[in-house]
Amino acid sequence: MQIPILIEPKEGGGFRARCALYDLTIEDSSRDEALARMERVIMERRKAGAEWYMLQVGPPQKLSDLAGSHNPDDPVIEEWKQAVEDYRREVDSGPDFPWLEQSSPA
């Protein structure tokens, strides 16, 4: 799962990492440590039962509003991805023009 984090230098030194989705702010002397601490805190909260829920309020205004709205852990999505991979492998391993392989009427 990817979560947007705003990381910015602090006046006087150090860095501040903010995650609006979890309402967290982490401050540390280095950028990498601020991000590492942010990840640890988010994972602790998730282990304690915090979860994301996508709430649709009213109809989407445009198609781009739907982008990324599915649950990435949904088993149906994983089955769909696997089916697409299987189909691509099947097509890639077959003849370039499968309709030419059909027998002609006698």
PDB file of N, CA and C in Angstrom:
ATOM      1  N   MET A   1       0.848  -1.175   0.000  1.00  0.00           N
ATOM      2  CA  MET A   1       0.000   0.000   0.000  1.00  0.00           C
ATOM      3  C   MET A   1       0.889   1.234   0.000  1.00  0.00           C
ATOM      4  N   GLN A   2       0.549   2.212  -0.790  1.00  0.00           N
ATOM      5  CA  GLN A   2       1.280   3.463  -0.817  1.00  0.00           C
ATOM      6  C   GLN A   2       0.430   4.552  -0.185  1.00  0.00           C
ATOM      7  N   ILE A   3       1.081   5.354   0.651  1.00  0.00           N
ATOM      8  CA  ILE A   3       0.405   6.435   1.358  1.00  0.00           C
ATOM      9  C   ILE A   3       1.173   7.716   1.072  1.00  0.00           C
ATOM     10  N   PRO A   4       0.502   8.786   0.662  1.00  0.00           N
ATOM     11  CA  PRO A   4       1.227  10.041   0.410  1.00  0.00           C
ATOM     12  C   PRO A   4       1.722  10.659   1.717  1.00  0.00           C
ATOM     13  N   ILE A   5       2.999  11.005   1.722  1.00  0.00           N
ATOM     14  CA  ILE A   5       3.643  11.635   2.878  1.00  0.00           C
ATOM     15  C   ILE A   5       4.270  12.937   2.388  1.00  0.00           C
ATOM     16  N   LEU A   6       4.000  14.035   3.080  1.00  0.00           N
ATOM     17  CA  LEU A   6       4.652  15.308   2.782  1.00  0.00           C
ATOM     18  C   LEU A   6       5.865  15.400   3.695  1.00  0.00           C
ATOM     19  N   ILE A   7       7.058  15.525   3.102  1.00  0.00           N
ATOM     20  CA  ILE A   7       8.265  15.679   3.914  1.00  0.00           C
ATOM     21  C   ILE A   7       8.923  16.991   3.519  1.00  0.00           C
ATOM     22  N   GLU A   8       9.279  17.774   4.552  1.00  0.00           N
ATOM     23  CA  GLU A   8       9.846  19.087   4.279  1.00  0.00           C
ATOM     24  C   GLU A   8      10.891  19.433   5.332  1.00  0.00           C
ATOM     25  N   PRO A   9      11.897  20.224   4.932  1.00  0.00           N
ATOM     26  CA  PRO A   9      12.902  20.634   5.911  1.00  0.00           C
ATOM     27  C   PRO A   9      12.296  21.614   6.924  1.00  0.00           C
ATOM     28  N   LYS A  10      12.761  21.481   8.174  1.00  0.00           N
ATOM     29  CA  LYS A  10      12.298  22.399   9.223  1.00  0.00           C
ATOM     30  C   LYS A  10      13.235  23.591   9.302  1.00  0.00           C
ATOM     31  N   GLU A  11      12.661  24.728   9.648  1.00  0.00           N
ATOM     32  CA  GLU A  11      13.496  25.901   9.865  1.00  0.00           C
ATOM     33  C   GLU A  11      14.411  25.612  11.052  1.00  0.00           C
ATOM     34  N   GLY A  12      15.682  25.812  10.893  1.00  0.00           N
ATOM     35  CA  GLY A  12      16.626  25.536  11.969  1.00  0.00           C
ATOM     36  C   GLY A  12      17.222  24.138  11.896  1.00  0.00           C
ATOM     37  N   GLY A  13      16.840  23.340  10.908  1.00  0.00           N
ATOM     38  CA  GLY A  13      17.418  22.004  10.738  1.00  0.00           C
ATOM     39  C   GLY A  13      16.431  20.889  11.011  1.00  0.00           C
ATOM     40  N   GLY A  14      16.709  19.770  10.450  1.00  0.00           N
ATOM     41  CA  GLY A  14      15.848  18.610  10.620  1.00  0.00           C
ATOM     42  C   GLY A  14      14.748  18.564   9.564  1.00  0.00           C
ATOM     43  N   PHE A  15      13.891  17.568   9.697  1.00  0.00           N
ATOM     44  CA  PHE A  15      12.821  17.358   8.725  1.00  0.00           C
ATOM     45  C   PHE A  15      11.512  17.058   9.422  1.00  0.00           C
ATOM     46  N   ARG A  16      10.426  17.375   8.730  1.00  0.00           N
ATOM     47  CA  ARG A  16       9.083  17.089   9.226  1.00  0.00           C
ATOM     48  C   ARG A  16       8.380  16.242   8.166  1.00  0.00           C
ATOM     49  N   ALA A  17       7.851  15.096   8.585  1.00  0.00           N
ATOM     50  CA  ALA A  17       7.063  14.244   7.696  1.00  0.00           C
ATOM     51  C   ALA A  17       5.623  14.276   8.185  1.00  0.00           C
ATOM     52  N   ARG A  18       4.679  14.517   7.249  1.00  0.00           N
ATOM     53  CA  ARG A  18       3.262  14.586   7.608  1.00  0.00           C
ATOM     54  C   ARG A  18       2.459  13.601   6.776  1.00  0.00           C
ATOM     55  N   CYS A  19       1.558  12.942   7.454  1.00  0.00           N
ATOM     56  CA  CYS A  19       0.614  12.038   6.800  1.00  0.00           C
ATOM     57  C   CYS A  19      -0.778  12.508   7.198  1.00  0.00           C
ATOM     58  N   ALA A  20      -1.454  13.203   6.284  1.00  0.00           N
ATOM     59  CA  ALA A  20      -2.780  13.731   6.587  1.00  0.00           C
ATOM     60  C   ALA A  20      -3.794  12.608   6.774  1.00  0.00           C
ATOM     61  N   LEU A  21      -3.581  11.478   6.093  1.00  0.00           N
ATOM     62  CA  LEU A  21      -4.544  10.390   6.169  1.00  0.00           C
ATOM     63  C   LEU A  21      -4.623   9.778   7.567  1.00  0.00           C
ATOM     64  N   TYR A  22      -3.509   9.745   8.268  1.00  0.00           N
ATOM     65  CA  TYR A  22      -3.498   9.228   9.639  1.00  0.00           C
ATOM     66  C   TYR A  22      -3.376  10.357  10.657  1.00  0.00           C
ATOM     67  N   ASP A  23      -3.382  11.601  10.202  1.00  0.00           N
ATOM     68  CA  ASP A  23      -3.236  12.763  11.069  1.00  0.00           C
ATOM     69  C   ASP A  23      -1.984  12.633  11.942  1.00  0.00           C
ATOM     70  N   LEU A  24      -0.839  12.376  11.278  1.00  0.00           N
ATOM     71  CA  LEU A  24       0.429  12.192  11.981  1.00  0.00           C
ATOM     72  C   LEU A  24       1.450  13.221  11.525  1.00  0.00           C
ATOM     73  N   THR A  25       2.295  13.634  12.456  1.00  0.00           N
ATOM     74  CA  THR A  25       3.453  14.449  12.137  1.00  0.00           C
ATOM     75  C   THR A  25       4.639  13.874  12.891  1.00  0.00           C
ATOM     76  N   ILE A  26       5.724  13.636  12.179  1.00  0.00           N
ATOM     77  CA  ILE A  26       6.955  13.096  12.766  1.00  0.00           C
ATOM     78  C   ILE A  26       8.069  14.084  12.463  1.00  0.00           C
ATOM     79  N   GLU A  27       8.872  14.403  13.455  1.00  0.00           N
ATOM     80  CA  GLU A  27      10.028  15.270  13.246  1.00  0.00           C
ATOM     81  C   GLU A  27      11.281  14.520  13.633  1.00  0.00           C
ATOM     82  N   ASP A  28      12.333  14.677  12.815  1.00  0.00           N
ATOM     83  CA  ASP A  28      13.602  14.015  13.082  1.00  0.00           C
ATOM     84  C   ASP A  28      14.719  14.799  12.430  1.00  0.00           C
ATOM     85  N   SER A  29      15.968  14.449  12.759  1.00  0.00           N
ATOM     86  CA  SER A  29      17.105  15.192  12.225  1.00  0.00           C
ATOM     87  C   SER A  29      17.409  14.844  10.764  1.00  0.00           C
ATOM     88  N   SER A  30      16.962  13.678  10.304  1.00  0.00           N
ATOM     89  CA  SER A  30      17.225  13.314   8.907  1.00  0.00           C
ATOM     90  C   SER A  30      15.932  12.946   8.191  1.00  0.00           C
ATOM     91  N   ARG A  31      15.941  13.146   6.896  1.00  0.00           N
ATOM     92  CA  ARG A  31      14.791  12.836   6.050  1.00  0.00           C
ATOM     93  C   ARG A  31      14.472  11.341   6.136  1.00  0.00           C
ATOM     94  N   ASP A  32      15.494  10.499   5.976  1.00  0.00           N
ATOM     95  CA  ASP A  32      15.281   9.053   5.976  1.00  0.00           C
ATOM     96  C   ASP A  32      14.741   8.542   7.308  1.00  0.00           C
ATOM     97  N   GLU A  33      15.247   9.076   8.407  1.00  0.00           N
ATOM     98  CA  GLU A  33      14.766   8.629   9.722  1.00  0.00           C
ATOM     99  C   GLU A  33      13.340   9.099   9.969  1.00  0.00           C
ATOM    100  N   ALA A  34      13.001  10.304   9.503  1.00  0.00           N
ATOM    101  CA  ALA A  34      11.623  10.778   9.656  1.00  0.00           C
ATOM    102  C   ALA A  34      10.666   9.857   8.906  1.00  0.00           C
ATOM    103  N   LEU A  35      11.037   9.460   7.686  1.00  0.00           N
ATOM    104  CA  LEU A  35      10.191   8.546   6.907  1.00  0.00           C
ATOM    105  C   LEU A  35      10.122   7.159   7.545  1.00  0.00           C
ATOM    106  N   ALA A  36      11.255   6.667   8.047  1.00  0.00           N
ATOM    107  CA  ALA A  36      11.271   5.343   8.686  1.00  0.00           C
ATOM    108  C   ALA A  36      10.391   5.334   9.934  1.00  0.00           C
ATOM    109  N   ARG A  37      10.476   6.391  10.737  1.00  0.00           N
ATOM    110  CA  ARG A  37       9.629   6.478  11.927  1.00  0.00           C
ATOM    111  C   ARG A  37       8.161   6.574  11.553  1.00  0.00           C
ATOM    112  N   MET A  38       7.852   7.338  10.488  1.00  0.00           N
ATOM    113  CA  MET A  38       6.471   7.464  10.022  1.00  0.00           C
ATOM    114  C   MET A  38       5.937   6.085   9.641  1.00  0.00           C
ATOM    115  N   GLU A  39       6.733   5.319   8.913  1.00  0.00           N
ATOM    116  CA  GLU A  39       6.295   3.975   8.506  1.00  0.00           C
ATOM    117  C   GLU A  39       6.034   3.093   9.728  1.00  0.00           C
ATOM    118  N   ARG A  40       6.928   3.142  10.709  1.00  0.00           N
ATOM    119  CA  ARG A  40       6.740   2.332  11.920  1.00  0.00           C
ATOM    120  C   ARG A  40       5.447   2.706  12.649  1.00  0.00           C
ATOM    121  N   VAL A  41       5.189   4.007  12.788  1.00  0.00           N
ATOM    122  CA  VAL A  41       3.987   4.452  13.501  1.00  0.00           C
ATOM    123  C   VAL A  41       2.726   4.020  12.746  1.00  0.00           C
ATOM    124  N   ILE A  42       2.736   4.180  11.416  1.00  0.00           N
ATOM    125  CA  ILE A  42       1.565   3.770  10.626  1.00  0.00           C
ATOM    126  C   ILE A  42       1.344   2.267  10.746  1.00  0.00           C
ATOM    127  N   MET A  43       2.404   1.480  10.657  1.00  0.00           N
ATOM    128  CA  MET A  43       2.261   0.022  10.760  1.00  0.00           C
ATOM    129  C   MET A  43       1.743  -0.375  12.147  1.00  0.00           C
ATOM    130  N   GLU A  44       2.199   0.297  13.202  1.00  0.00           N
ATOM    131  CA  GLU A  44       1.695   0.006  14.549  1.00  0.00           C
ATOM    132  C   GLU A  44       0.194   0.281  14.626  1.00  0.00           C
ATOM    133  N   ARG A  45      -0.238   1.388  14.038  1.00  0.00           N
ATOM    134  CA  ARG A  45      -1.665   1.721  14.064  1.00  0.00           C
ATOM    135  C   ARG A  45      -2.473   0.713  13.252  1.00  0.00           C
ATOM    136  N   ARG A  46      -1.937   0.263  12.123  1.00  0.00           N
ATOM    137  CA  ARG A  46      -2.645  -0.732  11.311  1.00  0.00           C
ATOM    138  C   ARG A  46      -2.750  -2.062  12.064  1.00  0.00           C
ATOM    139  N   LYS A  47      -1.668  -2.448  12.749  1.00  0.00           N
ATOM    140  CA  LYS A  47      -1.699  -3.693  13.533  1.00  0.00           C
ATOM    141  C   LYS A  47      -2.717  -3.604  14.665  1.00  0.00           C
ATOM    142  N   ALA A  48      -2.957  -2.388  15.148  1.00  0.00           N
ATOM    143  CA  ALA A  48      -3.915  -2.188  16.241  1.00  0.00           C
ATOM    144  C   ALA A  48      -5.355  -2.096  15.725  1.00  0.00           C
ATOM    145  N   GLY A  49      -5.521  -2.233  14.403  1.00  0.00           N
ATOM    146  CA  GLY A  49      -6.874  -2.271  13.866  1.00  0.00           C
ATOM    147  C   GLY A  49      -7.267  -1.116  12.975  1.00  0.00           C
ATOM    148  N   ALA A  50      -6.408  -0.116  12.808  1.00  0.00           N
ATOM    149  CA  ALA A  50      -6.736   0.997  11.909  1.00  0.00           C
ATOM    150  C   ALA A  50      -6.795   0.469  10.485  1.00  0.00           C
ATOM    151  N   GLU A  51      -7.745   0.972   9.712  1.00  0.00           N
ATOM    152  CA  GLU A  51      -7.854   0.535   8.319  1.00  0.00           C
ATOM    153  C   GLU A  51      -8.366   1.687   7.467  1.00  0.00           C
ATOM    154  N   TRP A  52      -8.139   1.582   6.165  1.00  0.00           N
ATOM    155  CA  TRP A  52      -8.654   2.558   5.219  1.00  0.00           C
ATOM    156  C   TRP A  52     -10.012   2.105   4.750  1.00  0.00           C
ATOM    157  N   TYR A  53     -10.875   3.050   4.569  1.00  0.00           N
ATOM    158  CA  TYR A  53     -12.181   2.761   3.989  1.00  0.00           C
ATOM    159  C   TYR A  53     -12.475   3.868   2.999  1.00  0.00           C
ATOM    160  N   MET A  54     -12.788   3.494   1.776  1.00  0.00           N
ATOM    161  CA  MET A  54     -13.106   4.470   0.749  1.00  0.00           C
ATOM    162  C   MET A  54     -14.614   4.712   0.775  1.00  0.00           C
ATOM    163  N   LEU A  55     -15.018   5.898   1.133  1.00  0.00           N
ATOM    164  CA  LEU A  55     -16.431   6.260   1.218  1.00  0.00           C
ATOM    165  C   LEU A  55     -16.796   7.099   0.003  1.00  0.00           C
ATOM    166  N   GLN A  56     -17.727   6.603  -0.790  1.00  0.00           N
ATOM    167  CA  GLN A  56     -18.213   7.352  -1.945  1.00  0.00           C
ATOM    168  C   GLN A  56     -19.399   8.199  -1.500  1.00  0.00           C
ATOM    169  N   VAL A  57     -19.278   9.491  -1.613  1.00  0.00           N
ATOM    170  CA  VAL A  57     -20.355  10.397  -1.239  1.00  0.00           C
ATOM    171  C   VAL A  57     -20.904  11.010  -2.516  1.00  0.00           C
ATOM    172  N   GLY A  58     -22.108  10.584  -2.890  1.00  0.00           N
ATOM    173  CA  GLY A  58     -22.701  11.069  -4.133  1.00  0.00           C
ATOM    174  C   GLY A  58     -22.028  10.422  -5.337  1.00  0.00           C
ATOM    175  N   PRO A  59     -22.576  10.675  -6.506  1.00  0.00           N
ATOM    176  CA  PRO A  59     -22.014  10.065  -7.711  1.00  0.00           C
ATOM    177  C   PRO A  59     -20.700  10.740  -8.096  1.00  0.00           C
ATOM    178  N   PRO A  60     -19.781   9.989  -8.686  1.00  0.00           N
ATOM    179  CA  PRO A  60     -18.540  10.603  -9.160  1.00  0.00           C
ATOM    180  C   PRO A  60     -18.854  11.669 -10.216  1.00  0.00           C
ATOM    181  N   GLN A  61     -18.100  12.725 -10.219  1.00  0.00           N
ATOM    182  CA  GLN A  61     -18.330  13.818 -11.160  1.00  0.00           C
ATOM    183  C   GLN A  61     -17.730  13.543 -12.531  1.00  0.00           C
ATOM    184  N   LYS A  62     -16.641  12.758 -12.568  1.00  0.00           N
ATOM    185  CA  LYS A  62     -16.002  12.443 -13.838  1.00  0.00           C
ATOM    186  C   LYS A  62     -15.292  11.098 -13.697  1.00  0.00           C
ATOM    187  N   LEU A  63     -14.925  10.520 -14.811  1.00  0.00           N
ATOM    188  CA  LEU A  63     -14.311   9.196 -14.816  1.00  0.00           C
ATOM    189  C   LEU A  63     -13.045   9.153 -13.967  1.00  0.00           C
ATOM    190  N   SER A  64     -12.259  10.214 -13.978  1.00  0.00           N
ATOM    191  CA  SER A  64     -11.009  10.219 -13.211  1.00  0.00           C
ATOM    192  C   SER A  64     -11.266  10.111 -11.710  1.00  0.00           C
ATOM    193  N   ASP A  65     -12.472  10.453 -11.236  1.00  0.00           N
ATOM    194  CA  ASP A  65     -12.809  10.303  -9.818  1.00  0.00           C
ATOM    195  C   ASP A  65     -12.806   8.831  -9.410  1.00  0.00           C
ATOM    196  N   LEU A  66     -12.989   7.941 -10.377  1.00  0.00           N
ATOM    197  CA  LEU A  66     -13.036   6.512 -10.076  1.00  0.00           C
ATOM    198  C   LEU A  66     -11.651   5.884  -9.987  1.00  0.00           C
ATOM    199  N   ALA A  67     -10.648   6.558 -10.500  1.00  0.00           N
ATOM    200  CA  ALA A  67      -9.295   6.000 -10.528  1.00  0.00           C
ATOM    201  C   ALA A  67      -8.834   5.670  -9.116  1.00  0.00           C
ATOM    202  N   GLY A  68      -8.390   4.445  -8.914  1.00  0.00           N
ATOM    203  CA  GLY A  68      -7.875   4.010  -7.628  1.00  0.00           C
ATOM    204  C   GLY A  68      -8.927   3.779  -6.572  1.00  0.00           C
ATOM    205  N   SER A  69     -10.202   3.681  -6.938  1.00  0.00           N
ATOM    206  CA  SER A  69     -11.251   3.561  -5.938  1.00  0.00           C
ATOM    207  C   SER A  69     -11.508   2.126  -5.500  1.00  0.00           C
ATOM    208  N   HIS A  70     -10.859   1.153  -6.138  1.00  0.00           N
ATOM    209  CA  HIS A  70     -11.066  -0.230  -5.722  1.00  0.00           C
ATOM    210  C   HIS A  70     -10.171  -0.569  -4.534  1.00  0.00           C
ATOM    211  N   ASN A  71     -10.540  -1.574  -3.805  1.00  0.00           N
ATOM    212  CA  ASN A  71      -9.744  -2.047  -2.682  1.00  0.00           C
ATOM    213  C   ASN A  71      -8.642  -2.947  -3.243  1.00  0.00           C
ATOM    214  N   PRO A  72      -7.355  -2.565  -3.108  1.00  0.00           N
ATOM    215  CA  PRO A  72      -6.282  -3.368  -3.685  1.00  0.00           C
ATOM    216  C   PRO A  72      -6.168  -4.768  -3.076  1.00  0.00           C
ATOM    217  N   ASP A  73      -6.765  -4.986  -1.913  1.00  0.00           N
ATOM    218  CA  ASP A  73      -6.717  -6.303  -1.280  1.00  0.00           C
ATOM    219  C   ASP A  73      -7.918  -7.168  -1.653  1.00  0.00           C
ATOM    220  N   ASP A  74      -8.790  -6.677  -2.500  1.00  0.00           N
ATOM    221  CA  ASP A  74      -9.988  -7.411  -2.906  1.00  0.00           C
ATOM    222  C   ASP A  74      -9.595  -8.639  -3.716  1.00  0.00           C
ATOM    223  N   PRO A  75      -9.992  -9.851  -3.292  1.00  0.00           N
ATOM    224  CA  PRO A  75      -9.606 -11.066  -4.012  1.00  0.00           C
ATOM    225  C   PRO A  75     -10.130 -11.097  -5.444  1.00  0.00           C
ATOM    226  N   VAL A  76     -11.236 -10.435  -5.718  1.00  0.00           N
ATOM    227  CA  VAL A  76     -11.759 -10.397  -7.085  1.00  0.00           C
ATOM    228  C   VAL A  76     -10.784  -9.661  -8.000  1.00  0.00           C
ATOM    229  N   ILE A  77     -10.178  -8.594  -7.510  1.00  0.00           N
ATOM    230  CA  ILE A  77      -9.201  -7.842  -8.297  1.00  0.00           C
ATOM    231  C   ILE A  77      -7.994  -8.735  -8.586  1.00  0.00           C
ATOM    232  N   GLU A  78      -7.543  -9.480  -7.574  1.00  0.00           N
ATOM    233  CA  GLU A  78      -6.399 -10.372  -7.775  1.00  0.00           C
ATOM    234  C   GLU A  78      -6.730 -11.470  -8.783  1.00  0.00           C
ATOM    235  N   GLU A  79      -7.934 -12.028  -8.737  1.00  0.00           N
ATOM    236  CA  GLU A  79      -8.361 -13.032  -9.719  1.00  0.00           C
ATOM    237  C   GLU A  79      -8.393 -12.433 -11.119  1.00  0.00           C
ATOM    238  N   TRP A  80      -8.884 -11.214 -11.228  1.00  0.00           N
ATOM    239  CA  TRP A  80      -8.945 -10.547 -12.522  1.00  0.00           C
ATOM    240  C   TRP A  80      -7.541 -10.334 -13.081  1.00  0.00           C
ATOM    241  N   LYS A  81      -6.613  -9.855 -12.229  1.00  0.00           N
ATOM    242  CA  LYS A  81      -5.233  -9.647 -12.676  1.00  0.00           C
ATOM    243  C   LYS A  81      -4.617 -10.959 -13.156  1.00  0.00           C
ATOM    244  N   GLN A  82      -4.867 -12.043 -12.419  1.00  0.00           N
ATOM    245  CA  GLN A  82      -4.326 -13.348 -12.797  1.00  0.00           C
ATOM    246  C   GLN A  82      -4.911 -13.803 -14.134  1.00  0.00           C
ATOM    247  N   ALA A  83      -6.214 -13.593 -14.333  1.00  0.00           N
ATOM    248  CA  ALA A  83      -6.852 -13.980 -15.590  1.00  0.00           C
ATOM    249  C   ALA A  83      -6.253 -13.203 -16.762  1.00  0.00           C
ATOM    250  N   VAL A  84      -5.983 -11.918 -16.560  1.00  0.00           N
ATOM    251  CA  VAL A  84      -5.369 -11.105 -17.615  1.00  0.00           C
ATOM    252  C   VAL A  84      -3.975 -11.639 -17.930  1.00  0.00           C
ATOM    253  N   GLU A  85      -3.186 -11.946 -16.887  1.00  0.00           N
ATOM    254  CA  GLU A  85      -1.843 -12.508 -17.102  1.00  0.00           C
ATOM    255  C   GLU A  85      -1.913 -13.825 -17.859  1.00  0.00           C
ATOM    256  N   ASP A  86      -2.819 -14.705 -17.447  1.00  0.00           N
ATOM    257  CA  ASP A  86      -2.964 -16.010 -18.108  1.00  0.00           C
ATOM    258  C   ASP A  86      -3.331 -15.829 -19.583  1.00  0.00           C
ATOM    259  N   TYR A  87      -4.265 -14.932 -19.867  1.00  0.00           N
ATOM    260  CA  TYR A  87      -4.682 -14.686 -21.243  1.00  0.00           C
ATOM    261  C   TYR A  87      -3.520 -14.145 -22.068  1.00  0.00           C
ATOM    262  N   ARG A  88      -2.765 -13.212 -21.505  1.00  0.00           N
ATOM    263  CA  ARG A  88      -1.623 -12.653 -22.235  1.00  0.00           C
ATOM    264  C   ARG A  88      -0.594 -13.728 -22.548  1.00  0.00           C
ATOM    265  N   ARG A  89      -0.321 -14.617 -21.581  1.00  0.00           N
ATOM    266  CA  ARG A  89       0.622 -15.715 -21.820  1.00  0.00           C
ATOM    267  C   ARG A  89       0.110 -16.621 -22.932  1.00  0.00           C
ATOM    268  N   GLU A  90      -1.182 -16.918 -22.888  1.00  0.00           N
ATOM    269  CA  GLU A  90      -1.793 -17.786 -23.898  1.00  0.00           C
ATOM    270  C   GLU A  90      -1.673 -17.156 -25.287  1.00  0.00           C
ATOM    271  N   VAL A  91      -1.988 -15.874 -25.381  1.00  0.00           N
ATOM    272  CA  VAL A  91      -1.910 -15.193 -26.672  1.00  0.00           C
ATOM    273  C   VAL A  91      -0.463 -15.108 -27.147  1.00  0.00           C
ATOM    274  N   ASP A  92       0.453 -14.792 -26.240  1.00  0.00           N
ATOM    275  CA  ASP A  92       1.864 -14.669 -26.610  1.00  0.00           C
ATOM    276  C   ASP A  92       2.460 -15.994 -27.075  1.00  0.00           C
ATOM    277  N   SER A  93       1.964 -17.106 -26.565  1.00  0.00           N
ATOM    278  CA  SER A  93       2.526 -18.412 -26.938  1.00  0.00           C
ATOM    279  C   SER A  93       1.864 -19.004 -28.178  1.00  0.00           C
ATOM    280  N   GLY A  94       0.744 -18.426 -28.621  1.00  0.00           N
ATOM    281  CA  GLY A  94       0.018 -18.956 -29.771  1.00  0.00           C
ATOM    282  C   GLY A  94       0.496 -18.347 -31.074  1.00  0.00           C
ATOM    283  N   PRO A  95      -0.142 -18.722 -32.167  1.00  0.00           N
ATOM    284  CA  PRO A  95       0.217 -18.146 -33.462  1.00  0.00           C
ATOM    285  C   PRO A  95      -0.147 -16.665 -33.507  1.00  0.00           C
ATOM    286  N   ASP A  96       0.535 -15.941 -34.394  1.00  0.00           N
ATOM    287  CA  ASP A  96       0.279 -14.503 -34.507  1.00  0.00           C
ATOM    288  C   ASP A  96      -1.140 -14.196 -34.980  1.00  0.00           C
ATOM    289  N   PHE A  97      -1.686 -15.060 -35.831  1.00  0.00           N
ATOM    290  CA  PHE A  97      -3.018 -14.848 -36.380  1.00  0.00           C
ATOM    291  C   PHE A  97      -3.836 -16.120 -36.185  1.00  0.00           C
ATOM    292  N   PRO A  98      -4.432 -16.311 -35.003  1.00  0.00           N
ATOM    293  CA  PRO A  98      -5.130 -17.568 -34.717  1.00  0.00           C
ATOM    294  C   PRO A  98      -6.281 -17.845 -35.676  1.00  0.00           C
ATOM    295  N   TRP A  99      -6.897 -16.825 -36.246  1.00  0.00           N
ATOM    296  CA  TRP A  99      -8.017 -17.063 -37.144  1.00  0.00           C
ATOM    297  C   TRP A  99      -7.571 -17.731 -38.442  1.00  0.00           C
ATOM    298  N   LEU A 100      -6.264 -17.656 -38.771  1.00  0.00           N
ATOM    299  CA  LEU A 100      -5.757 -18.341 -39.967  1.00  0.00           C
ATOM    300  C   LEU A 100      -5.589 -19.834 -39.727  1.00  0.00           C
ATOM    301  N   GLU A 101      -5.550 -20.248 -38.468  1.00  0.00           N
ATOM    302  CA  GLU A 101      -5.357 -21.650 -38.115  1.00  0.00           C
ATOM    303  C   GLU A 101      -6.655 -22.449 -38.250  1.00  0.00           C
ATOM    304  N   GLN A 102      -7.787 -21.775 -38.369  1.00  0.00           N
ATOM    305  CA  GLN A 102      -9.074 -22.487 -38.485  1.00  0.00           C
ATOM    306  C   GLN A 102      -9.100 -23.215 -39.820  1.00  0.00           C
ATOM    307  N   SER A 103      -9.689 -24.395 -39.795  1.00  0.00           N
ATOM    308  CA  SER A 103      -9.778 -25.170 -41.043  1.00  0.00           C
ATOM    309  C   SER A 103     -10.811 -24.536 -41.955  1.00  0.00           C
ATOM    310  N   SER A 104     -10.525 -24.553 -43.249  1.00  0.00           N
ATOM    311  CA  SER A 104     -11.450 -23.970 -44.206  1.00  0.00           C
ATOM    312  C   SER A 104     -12.539 -24.978 -44.534  1.00  0.00           C
ATOM    313  N   PRO A 105     -13.754 -24.523 -44.870  1.00  0.00           N
ATOM    314  CA  PRO A 105     -14.858 -25.437 -45.150  1.00  0.00           C
ATOM    315  C   PRO A 105     -14.540 -26.310 -46.365  1.00  0.00           C
ATOM    316  N   ALA A 106     -15.003 -27.554 -46.321  1.00  0.00           N
ATOM    317  CA  ALA A 106     -14.726 -28.502 -47.398  1.00  0.00           C
ATOM    318  C   ALA A 106     -15.741 -28.435 -48.509  1.00  0.00           C
TER     319      ALA A 106
END
